[in-house]
Amino acid sequence: MKFFVYILKSELDGTLYIEQTSNLVERIKRHNKGLNRYTKTKIPWKIIYEEECSSRSESMKLEKRLKSWKKRVALLNYIHKKIGM
């Protein structure tokens, strides 16, 4: 089974949100329907990055690493590096 780590950006205020899932499409729909306690107040959300992982443990490690970077610029640099900008 494939897992994904993704980063969302609130179009309301620019907040970034990081999470992992096995069903990316469904998870994004849930965020934009307001079915997540944290993200429901910042709808609409736009996916700005996704990374496929081969296992849940790999996706959880990546999620934890990305969340540990407190500065937004570190996340954006990571994204640019991964997509070749």
C-alpha atoms as a PDB file:
ATOM      1  CA  MET A   1       0.000   0.000   0.000  1.00  0.00           C
ATOM      2  CA  LYS A   2       1.215   3.487  -0.825  1.00  0.00           C
ATOM      3  CA  PHE A   3       1.203   6.330   1.644  1.00  0.00           C
ATOM      4  CA  PHE A   4       1.569  10.040   1.066  1.00  0.00           C
ATOM      5  CA  VAL A   5       2.873  12.963   3.070  1.00  0.00           C
ATOM      6  CA  TYR A   6       1.266  16.181   1.959  1.00  0.00           C
ATOM      7  CA  ILE A   7       1.393  19.869   2.687  1.00  0.00           C
ATOM      8  CA  LEU A   8      -1.706  22.006   2.404  1.00  0.00           C
ATOM      9  CA  LYS A   9      -1.878  25.776   2.312  1.00  0.00           C
ATOM     10  CA  SER A  10      -4.934  27.647   3.522  1.00  0.00           C
ATOM     11  CA  GLU A  11      -6.162  30.057   0.872  1.00  0.00           C
ATOM     12  CA  LEU A  12      -7.799  31.998   3.704  1.00  0.00           C
ATOM     13  CA  ASP A  13      -4.657  32.956   5.641  1.00  0.00           C
ATOM     14  CA  GLY A  14      -1.669  31.061   4.190  1.00  0.00           C
ATOM     15  CA  THR A  15      -1.332  28.581   7.070  1.00  0.00           C
ATOM     16  CA  LEU A  16       0.547  25.402   6.188  1.00  0.00           C
ATOM     17  CA  TYR A  17      -0.688  21.989   7.335  1.00  0.00           C
ATOM     18  CA  ILE A  18       1.313  18.738   7.130  1.00  0.00           C
ATOM     19  CA  GLU A  19      -0.093  15.222   7.394  1.00  0.00           C
ATOM     20  CA  GLN A  20       0.189  11.698   5.981  1.00  0.00           C
ATOM     21  CA  THR A  21      -2.484   9.410   4.545  1.00  0.00           C
ATOM     22  CA  SER A  22      -3.056   6.351   2.407  1.00  0.00           C
ATOM     23  CA  ASN A  23      -5.867   8.031   0.409  1.00  0.00           C
ATOM     24  CA  LEU A  24      -4.760  11.495  -0.618  1.00  0.00           C
ATOM     25  CA  VAL A  25      -7.756  12.452  -2.762  1.00  0.00           C
ATOM     26  CA  GLU A  26     -10.306  11.529  -0.098  1.00  0.00           C
ATOM     27  CA  ARG A  27      -8.291  13.201   2.651  1.00  0.00           C
ATOM     28  CA  ILE A  28      -8.144  16.527   0.778  1.00  0.00           C
ATOM     29  CA  LYS A  29     -11.921  16.379   0.230  1.00  0.00           C
ATOM     30  CA  ARG A  30     -12.425  15.855   3.974  1.00  0.00           C
ATOM     31  CA  HIS A  31     -10.278  18.896   4.792  1.00  0.00           C
ATOM     32  CA  ASN A  32     -12.245  21.113   2.412  1.00  0.00           C
ATOM     33  CA  LYS A  33     -15.598  19.838   3.695  1.00  0.00           C
ATOM     34  CA  GLY A  34     -14.619  20.899   7.228  1.00  0.00           C
ATOM     35  CA  LEU A  35     -14.428  17.357   8.616  1.00  0.00           C
ATOM     36  CA  ASN A  36     -11.076  17.899  10.347  1.00  0.00           C
ATOM     37  CA  ARG A  37     -11.134  19.793  13.639  1.00  0.00           C
ATOM     38  CA  TYR A  38      -7.969  21.804  13.009  1.00  0.00           C
ATOM     39  CA  THR A  39      -8.420  22.614   9.321  1.00  0.00           C
ATOM     40  CA  LYS A  40     -12.147  23.385   9.265  1.00  0.00           C
ATOM     41  CA  THR A  41     -11.683  27.025  10.287  1.00  0.00           C
ATOM     42  CA  LYS A  42      -9.208  27.762   7.493  1.00  0.00           C
ATOM     43  CA  ILE A  43     -11.086  26.451   4.433  1.00  0.00           C
ATOM     44  CA  PRO A  44     -10.379  26.366   1.505  1.00  0.00           C
ATOM     45  CA  TRP A  45      -7.150  24.337   1.375  1.00  0.00           C
ATOM     46  CA  LYS A  46      -4.895  23.847  -1.623  1.00  0.00           C
ATOM     47  CA  ILE A  47      -2.346  21.057  -1.847  1.00  0.00           C
ATOM     48  CA  ILE A  48       1.103  22.533  -2.473  1.00  0.00           C
ATOM     49  CA  TYR A  49       3.188  19.373  -2.088  1.00  0.00           C
ATOM     50  CA  GLU A  50       2.825  15.609  -1.917  1.00  0.00           C
ATOM     51  CA  GLU A  51       5.415  12.881  -1.569  1.00  0.00           C
ATOM     52  CA  GLU A  52       4.762   9.186  -2.021  1.00  0.00           C
ATOM     53  CA  CYS A  53       6.200   6.782   0.550  1.00  0.00           C
ATOM     54  CA  SER A  54       6.423   3.005   0.352  1.00  0.00           C
ATOM     55  CA  SER A  55       5.160   2.333   3.879  1.00  0.00           C
ATOM     56  CA  ARG A  56       3.218   3.931   6.702  1.00  0.00           C
ATOM     57  CA  SER A  57       6.309   4.013   8.917  1.00  0.00           C
ATOM     58  CA  GLU A  58       8.249   5.869   6.199  1.00  0.00           C
ATOM     59  CA  SER A  59       5.443   8.405   5.776  1.00  0.00           C
ATOM     60  CA  MET A  60       5.181   8.918   9.532  1.00  0.00           C
ATOM     61  CA  LYS A  61       8.928   9.568   9.794  1.00  0.00           C
ATOM     62  CA  LEU A  62       8.809  12.099   6.965  1.00  0.00           C
ATOM     63  CA  GLU A  63       5.744  13.804   8.461  1.00  0.00           C
ATOM     64  CA  LYS A  64       7.492  14.093  11.823  1.00  0.00           C
ATOM     65  CA  ARG A  65      10.660  15.488  10.200  1.00  0.00           C
ATOM     66  CA  LEU A  66       8.742  18.113   8.216  1.00  0.00           C
ATOM     67  CA  LYS A  67       6.708  19.135  11.267  1.00  0.00           C
ATOM     68  CA  SER A  68       9.903  19.560  13.280  1.00  0.00           C
ATOM     69  CA  TRP A  69      11.002  22.381  10.963  1.00  0.00           C
ATOM     70  CA  LYS A  70       9.486  25.356  12.705  1.00  0.00           C
ATOM     71  CA  LYS A  71      10.378  27.855  10.023  1.00  0.00           C
ATOM     72  CA  ARG A  72       8.140  28.063   6.984  1.00  0.00           C
ATOM     73  CA  VAL A  73      11.132  28.861   4.792  1.00  0.00           C
ATOM     74  CA  ALA A  74      12.692  25.464   5.602  1.00  0.00           C
ATOM     75  CA  LEU A  75       9.560  23.706   4.328  1.00  0.00           C
ATOM     76  CA  LEU A  76       9.441  25.800   1.183  1.00  0.00           C
ATOM     77  CA  ASN A  77      13.137  25.140   0.520  1.00  0.00           C
ATOM     78  CA  TYR A  78      12.483  21.398   0.913  1.00  0.00           C
ATOM     79  CA  ILE A  79       9.628  21.559  -1.587  1.00  0.00           C
ATOM     80  CA  HIS A  80      11.687  23.539  -4.111  1.00  0.00           C
ATOM     81  CA  LYS A  81      14.582  21.113  -3.796  1.00  0.00           C
ATOM     82  CA  LYS A  82      12.315  18.067  -4.307  1.00  0.00           C
ATOM     83  CA  ILE A  83      10.576  19.471  -7.378  1.00  0.00           C
ATOM     84  CA  GLY A  84      13.803  20.770  -8.898  1.00  0.00           C
ATOM     85  CA  MET A  85      13.352  24.525  -8.623  1.00  0.00           C
END
